[in-house]
């Protein structure tokens, strides 16, 4: 179920897996029968379910059967399942996990949709010189082939795709912390997109905290694992600092109130929720607020980026067309 690069589709499949399992548990179906009734999305998942069934038949609990199997379910999921099983609320925990992955899938999908148009324009700009150059050769009657005309642009695109893949690969949660931290800091420096990225990660942190606390996980473990689930070195570093202060007797609200790296909105709403005993509601509100704000800033940044890219494209077209006609008429005058 896990893969090198998580996509909205893979998160939706995981959400559907937990949804089916949770619904069957709520209906009173035994865990063994529930797992047998679920339709696996691929052969690998079917194999993992069969291994789980064998371990359940040997007397292990569901959480015990998942120990060490990071290639199937991440630590976040296994800890949630263990907490839900211990508290007798496994069905609720599975439903929370389903919503958690549905939330992540929706978030990633919306981000990709907002970035699609600027990326298409960038492709157009890279290919534009080749398109115009090939048109010029056709008018001039030279024998330049299509591949020769587009080779430089294709080379640039290949290098760009290689760099993007390298950044995505190195940015995965299982890569080196130092590399991910450097990449994240670079993203945070990008105007518009940096703020949007922070807000999206705060949304993921808030929703993960909500899920873990509802599963019965302690506040200390919840902060540690929610930060890891956010895949943000910035939030992981903050969380590690929080945990040290929690261990000496401070509450998260007391710590967060003094943490200037977090937005005022997050600090105020979290502290109010903890003091009033309505932290669950506050975390849901924070998740929704930062998801909406992150997408709003992303739309604004992508609109500005699109206008900038469009301007470059227009200037490039004008420059190439003017250069072509100047050269064309210049050659006619020289001939005369």
Protein backbone atom coordinates (compact mmCIF):
# COMPACT_ATOMS: atom_id res chain seq x y z
CA UNK A 1 0.00 0.00 0.00
CA UNK A 2 3.00 2.27 0.50
CA UNK A 3 5.02 3.55 -2.43
CA UNK A 4 8.07 5.64 -3.21
CA UNK A 5 6.01 8.77 -3.95
CA UNK A 6 2.57 9.01 -2.40
CA UNK A 7 -0.15 10.23 -4.76
CA UNK A 8 -3.76 11.29 -4.12
CA UNK A 9 -4.83 7.93 -5.60
CA UNK A 10 -2.72 5.93 -3.12
CA UNK A 11 -4.10 7.96 -0.20
CA UNK A 12 -7.66 7.45 -1.45
CA UNK A 13 -7.07 3.69 -1.65
CA UNK A 14 -5.79 3.66 1.92
CA UNK A 15 -8.76 5.76 3.03
CA UNK A 16 -11.15 3.30 1.35
CA UNK A 17 -9.38 0.35 3.01
CA UNK A 18 -9.87 1.84 6.48
CA UNK A 19 -13.43 2.92 5.65
CA UNK A 20 -14.45 -0.61 4.66
CA UNK A 21 -12.73 -2.15 7.68
CA UNK A 22 -14.27 0.39 10.06
CA UNK A 23 -17.79 -0.09 8.66
CA UNK A 24 -17.54 -3.88 9.04
CA UNK A 25 -16.27 -3.48 12.61
CA UNK A 26 -19.16 -1.17 13.47
CA UNK A 27 -21.56 -3.75 12.04
CA UNK A 28 -20.21 -6.31 14.52
CA UNK A 29 -18.28 -8.41 11.99
CA UNK A 30 -15.16 -10.04 13.45
CA UNK A 31 -11.74 -8.73 12.44
CA UNK A 32 -10.82 -11.94 10.60
CA UNK A 33 -14.04 -11.94 8.58
CA UNK A 34 -13.76 -8.19 7.97
CA UNK A 35 -10.30 -8.55 6.43
CA UNK A 36 -11.50 -11.45 4.28
CA UNK A 37 -14.40 -9.40 2.92
CA UNK A 38 -12.26 -6.43 1.88
CA UNK A 39 -11.37 -6.31 -1.82
CA UNK A 40 -7.59 -5.66 -2.12
CA UNK A 41 -6.55 -2.98 -4.63
CA UNK A 42 -3.49 -4.97 -5.75
CA UNK A 43 -1.65 -8.28 -5.24
CA UNK A 44 0.73 -6.79 -2.69
CA UNK A 45 -2.12 -5.67 -0.46
CA UNK A 46 -3.78 -9.09 -0.82
CA UNK A 47 -0.53 -10.72 0.31
CA UNK A 48 -0.25 -8.41 3.34
CA UNK A 49 -3.86 -9.13 4.35
CA UNK A 50 -3.18 -12.89 4.12
CA UNK A 51 -0.09 -12.51 6.33
CA UNK A 52 -2.18 -10.57 8.85
CA UNK A 53 -4.88 -13.27 8.83
CA UNK A 54 -2.28 -15.98 9.47
CA UNK A 55 -0.86 -14.04 12.42
CA UNK A 56 -4.35 -13.41 13.82
CA UNK A 57 -5.07 -17.15 13.59
CA UNK A 58 -1.90 -17.81 15.60
CA UNK A 59 -3.26 -15.72 18.50
CA UNK A 60 -1.77 -12.28 17.87
CA UNK A 61 -3.80 -9.08 18.12
CA UNK A 62 -4.27 -6.83 15.10
CA UNK A 63 -1.65 -4.33 16.29
CA UNK A 64 0.81 -7.13 17.13
CA UNK A 65 0.43 -8.57 13.64
CA UNK A 66 1.46 -5.20 12.19
CA UNK A 67 4.67 -4.78 14.23
CA UNK A 68 7.66 -4.02 12.03
CA UNK A 69 5.70 -4.08 8.78
CA UNK A 70 6.59 -0.55 7.69
CA UNK A 71 6.53 -1.58 4.02
CA UNK A 72 2.72 -1.94 4.29
CA UNK A 73 1.48 0.54 6.90
CA UNK A 74 3.44 3.54 8.27
CA UNK A 75 4.21 3.98 11.96
CA UNK A 76 1.43 6.58 12.29
CA UNK A 77 -1.23 4.05 11.23
CA UNK A 78 0.13 1.22 13.37
CA UNK A 79 0.25 3.42 16.46
CA UNK A 80 -3.33 4.62 15.84
CA UNK A 81 -4.54 1.02 15.46
CA UNK A 82 -2.74 -0.05 18.64
CA UNK A 83 -4.27 2.85 20.61
CA UNK A 84 -7.74 2.12 19.23
CA UNK A 85 -7.45 -1.59 19.97
CA UNK A 86 -6.24 -0.93 23.53
CA UNK A 87 -9.07 1.53 24.24
CA UNK A 88 -11.72 -0.71 22.66
CA UNK A 89 -12.49 1.90 19.98
CA UNK A 90 -10.92 0.24 16.95
CA UNK A 91 -13.93 0.96 14.73
CA UNK A 92 -13.80 4.69 15.56
CA UNK A 93 -10.04 4.74 15.04
CA UNK A 94 -10.36 3.13 11.61
CA UNK A 95 -12.94 5.74 10.61
CA UNK A 96 -10.63 8.52 11.81
CA UNK A 97 -7.78 7.03 9.76
CA UNK A 98 -10.08 6.91 6.74
CA UNK A 99 -10.91 10.61 7.13
CA UNK A 100 -7.23 11.40 7.74
CA UNK A 101 -6.15 9.94 4.40
CA UNK A 102 -9.15 11.35 2.59
CA UNK A 103 -8.13 14.78 3.91
CA UNK A 104 -4.54 14.30 2.70
CA UNK A 105 -5.66 13.04 -0.73
CA UNK A 106 -7.99 16.03 -1.19
CA UNK A 107 -5.30 18.47 -0.08
CA UNK A 108 -2.66 17.12 -2.48
CA UNK A 109 -5.16 16.93 -5.34
CA UNK A 110 -6.23 20.56 -4.85
CA UNK A 111 -2.60 21.72 -4.72
CA UNK A 112 -1.76 19.89 -7.96
CA UNK A 113 -4.82 21.34 -9.72
CA UNK A 114 -3.86 24.90 -8.74
CA UNK A 115 -0.30 24.41 -10.05
CA UNK A 116 -1.31 22.74 -13.32
CA UNK A 117 -1.78 25.89 -15.43
CA UNK A 118 1.52 27.61 -14.49
CA UNK A 119 3.36 24.35 -15.20
CA UNK A 120 1.73 24.07 -18.63
CA UNK A 121 2.80 27.63 -19.44
CA UNK A 122 6.38 26.85 -18.42
CA UNK A 123 6.36 23.88 -20.81
CA UNK A 124 5.05 26.17 -23.55
CA UNK A 125 7.81 28.74 -23.00
CA UNK A 126 10.51 26.06 -23.14
CA UNK A 127 9.07 24.64 -26.38
CA UNK A 128 8.30 28.04 -27.93
CA UNK A 129 11.77 28.76 -29.43
CA UNK A 130 11.75 25.32 -31.06
CA UNK A 131 8.25 25.85 -32.50
CA UNK A 132 9.13 29.27 -33.96
CA UNK A 133 12.57 28.12 -35.08
CA UNK A 134 11.10 25.14 -36.92
CA UNK A 135 8.54 27.44 -38.55
CA UNK A 136 11.34 29.73 -39.73
CA UNK A 137 13.21 26.82 -41.31
CA UNK A 138 10.04 25.74 -43.14
CA UNK A 139 9.56 29.26 -44.55
CA UNK A 140 13.24 29.53 -45.48
CA UNK A 141 13.10 26.09 -47.09
CA UNK A 142 16.09 24.65 -45.18
CA UNK A 143 16.32 20.96 -44.44
CA UNK A 144 16.20 21.06 -40.61
CA UNK A 145 14.32 18.05 -39.24
CA UNK A 146 11.68 18.18 -36.51
CA UNK A 147 13.95 16.33 -34.07
CA UNK A 148 16.88 18.69 -34.71
CA UNK A 149 14.68 21.73 -34.09
CA UNK A 150 13.19 20.40 -30.84
CA UNK A 151 16.32 18.68 -29.44
CA UNK A 152 17.48 21.68 -27.30
CA UNK A 153 14.00 22.20 -25.79
CA UNK A 154 13.57 18.49 -25.10
CA UNK A 155 17.00 18.48 -23.44
CA UNK A 156 15.99 21.38 -21.16
CA UNK A 157 12.73 19.60 -20.25
CA UNK A 158 14.61 16.38 -19.51
CA UNK A 159 16.98 18.22 -17.14
CA UNK A 160 14.03 20.01 -15.49
CA UNK A 161 12.15 16.73 -14.98
CA UNK A 162 15.29 15.16 -13.54
CA UNK A 163 15.70 18.00 -11.04
CA UNK A 164 12.02 17.85 -10.03
CA UNK A 165 12.21 14.09 -9.51
CA UNK A 166 15.41 14.48 -7.45
CA UNK A 167 13.77 17.13 -5.23
CA UNK A 168 10.63 15.00 -4.75
CA UNK A 169 12.71 11.89 -4.05
CA UNK A 170 15.00 13.62 -1.54
CA UNK A 171 12.01 15.33 0.07
CA UNK A 172 10.36 12.03 1.03
CA UNK A 173 9.90 11.41 4.76
CA UNK A 174 12.28 8.42 4.74
CA UNK A 175 15.18 10.44 3.31
CA UNK A 176 17.86 12.26 5.30
CA UNK A 177 16.55 14.83 7.74
CA UNK A 178 19.26 17.38 6.88
CA UNK A 179 18.51 17.26 3.13
CA UNK A 180 14.76 17.62 3.72
CA UNK A 181 15.35 20.51 6.10
CA UNK A 182 17.44 22.40 3.52
CA UNK A 183 14.84 21.81 0.79
CA UNK A 184 12.04 22.96 3.09
CA UNK A 185 13.89 26.17 3.99
CA UNK A 186 14.38 26.92 0.29
CA UNK A 187 10.64 26.42 -0.32
CA UNK A 188 9.81 28.71 2.60
CA UNK A 189 11.88 31.51 1.03
CA UNK A 190 9.82 31.47 -2.18
CA UNK A 191 7.33 34.39 -1.99
CA UNK A 192 3.71 33.27 -1.82
CA UNK A 193 4.41 29.57 -2.18
CA UNK A 194 6.41 29.48 1.07
CA UNK A 195 3.46 30.70 3.18
CA UNK A 196 1.09 28.35 1.36
CA UNK A 197 3.38 25.39 2.11
CA UNK A 198 3.56 26.28 5.81
CA UNK A 199 -0.22 26.52 6.06
CA UNK A 200 -0.75 23.21 4.28
CA UNK A 201 1.63 21.52 6.72
CA UNK A 202 -0.09 23.14 9.70
CA UNK A 203 -3.37 21.75 8.37
CA UNK A 204 -1.86 18.26 8.21
CA UNK A 205 -0.41 18.65 11.72
CA UNK A 206 -3.76 19.76 13.16
CA UNK A 207 -5.71 16.94 11.54
CA UNK A 208 -3.10 14.36 12.65
CA UNK A 209 -3.25 15.65 16.23
CA UNK A 210 -7.04 15.42 16.13
CA UNK A 211 -6.87 11.83 14.85
CA UNK A 212 -4.27 10.67 17.39
CA UNK A 213 -5.93 12.24 20.42
CA UNK A 214 -9.30 10.76 19.44
CA UNK A 215 -7.66 7.34 19.23
CA UNK A 216 -6.54 7.65 22.85
CA UNK A 217 -2.86 8.44 22.27
CA UNK A 218 -1.15 10.51 24.98
CA UNK A 219 -0.53 14.19 24.24
CA UNK A 220 3.24 13.61 24.18
CA UNK A 221 3.05 10.79 21.64
CA UNK A 222 0.40 12.67 19.67
CA UNK A 223 2.65 15.69 19.14
CA UNK A 224 5.65 13.57 18.25
CA UNK A 225 3.82 11.42 15.70
CA UNK A 226 1.66 14.21 14.27
CA UNK A 227 4.82 16.18 13.49
CA UNK A 228 6.33 13.12 11.81
CA UNK A 229 3.10 12.64 9.83
CA UNK A 230 3.34 16.23 8.58
CA UNK A 231 6.72 15.30 6.97
CA UNK A 232 7.99 18.77 7.85
CA UNK A 233 11.48 19.10 9.42
CA UNK A 234 10.38 22.53 10.68
CA UNK A 235 7.44 21.05 12.63
CA UNK A 236 9.44 18.00 13.72
CA UNK A 237 12.08 20.31 15.22
CA UNK A 238 9.39 22.33 17.03
CA UNK A 239 7.74 19.14 18.27
CA UNK A 240 11.00 17.78 19.68
CA UNK A 241 11.42 21.03 21.60
CA UNK A 242 7.81 20.81 22.85
CA UNK A 243 8.32 17.24 24.08
CA UNK A 244 11.37 18.23 26.13
CA UNK A 245 9.30 20.91 27.86
CA UNK A 246 6.31 18.58 28.31
CA UNK A 247 8.66 16.14 30.07
CA UNK A 248 9.51 18.79 32.68
CA UNK A 249 5.83 19.40 33.48
CA UNK A 250 4.61 22.13 31.12
CA UNK A 251 1.38 21.73 29.16
CA UNK A 252 1.38 22.11 25.35
CA UNK A 253 -0.74 25.27 25.70
CA UNK A 254 1.89 26.88 27.96
CA UNK A 255 4.63 25.98 25.48
CA UNK A 256 2.75 26.98 22.32
CA UNK A 257 1.70 30.33 23.80
CA UNK A 258 5.39 31.34 23.85
CA UNK A 259 6.33 29.81 20.46
CA UNK A 260 6.71 32.68 18.00
CA UNK A 261 7.47 30.38 15.04
CA UNK A 262 3.83 29.31 15.00
CA UNK A 263 1.16 31.73 13.67
CA UNK A 264 -0.86 33.67 16.25
CA UNK A 265 -4.09 32.08 14.99
CA UNK A 266 -2.73 28.59 15.70
CA UNK A 267 -1.42 29.55 19.15
CA UNK A 268 -4.62 31.28 20.24
CA UNK A 269 -7.06 28.62 19.03
CA UNK A 270 -4.98 25.72 20.36
CA UNK A 271 -4.53 27.31 23.80
CA UNK A 272 -8.23 28.24 24.01
CA UNK A 273 -9.23 24.69 23.07
CA UNK A 274 -6.95 23.07 25.64
CA UNK A 275 -8.01 25.39 28.48
CA UNK A 276 -11.74 25.05 27.69
CA UNK A 277 -11.61 21.28 27.18
CA UNK A 278 -12.62 21.64 23.53
CA UNK A 279 -9.28 20.84 21.92
CA UNK A 280 -10.91 18.34 19.57
CA UNK A 281 -13.09 21.06 18.05
CA UNK A 282 -10.20 23.56 17.93
CA UNK A 283 -7.97 21.12 16.04
CA UNK A 284 -10.67 20.45 13.46
CA UNK A 285 -11.17 24.19 13.01
CA UNK A 286 -7.41 24.71 12.63
CA UNK A 287 -7.16 21.92 10.06
CA UNK A 288 -9.98 23.44 8.01
CA UNK A 289 -8.73 27.02 8.41
CA UNK A 290 -5.15 26.30 7.32
CA UNK A 291 -6.28 24.08 4.47
CA UNK A 292 -8.45 26.93 3.13
CA UNK A 293 -5.78 29.58 3.76
CA UNK A 294 -3.04 27.44 2.22
CA UNK A 295 -5.09 26.91 -0.92
CA UNK A 296 -6.05 30.59 -1.07
CA UNK A 297 -2.41 31.67 -0.88
CA UNK A 298 -1.50 28.98 -3.39
CA UNK A 299 -4.11 30.31 -5.83
CA UNK A 300 -2.77 33.86 -5.38
CA UNK A 301 0.85 32.76 -5.82
CA UNK A 302 0.04 30.61 -8.85
CA UNK A 303 -1.94 33.50 -10.41
CA UNK A 304 1.04 35.83 -10.00
CA UNK A 305 3.40 33.14 -11.30
CA UNK A 306 1.11 32.51 -14.27
CA UNK A 307 1.02 36.24 -15.11
CA UNK A 308 4.82 36.40 -14.83
CA UNK A 309 5.31 33.33 -17.03
CA UNK A 310 2.71 34.62 -19.50
CA UNK A 311 4.56 37.95 -19.68
CA UNK A 312 7.84 36.16 -20.40
CA UNK A 313 6.10 34.13 -23.11
CA UNK A 314 4.65 37.28 -24.73
CA UNK A 315 8.00 39.09 -24.66
CA UNK A 316 9.76 36.00 -26.06
CA UNK A 317 7.27 35.69 -28.92
CA UNK A 318 7.55 39.41 -29.72
CA UNK A 319 11.36 39.27 -29.67
CA UNK A 320 11.55 36.17 -31.88
CA UNK A 321 8.96 37.46 -34.38
CA UNK A 322 10.58 40.92 -34.63
CA UNK A 323 14.04 39.35 -35.02
CA UNK A 324 12.73 37.06 -37.75
CA UNK A 325 11.19 39.87 -39.81
CA UNK A 326 14.21 42.15 -39.32
CA UNK A 327 16.49 39.39 -40.59
CA UNK A 328 14.08 38.59 -43.42
CA UNK A 329 13.81 42.17 -44.68
CA UNK A 330 17.50 42.73 -44.03
CA UNK A 331 18.38 39.84 -46.32
CA UNK A 332 16.05 41.27 -49.04
CA UNK A 333 17.67 44.71 -48.80
CA UNK A 334 21.14 43.20 -48.93
CA UNK A 335 20.15 41.23 -52.03
CA UNK A 336 18.91 44.38 -53.75
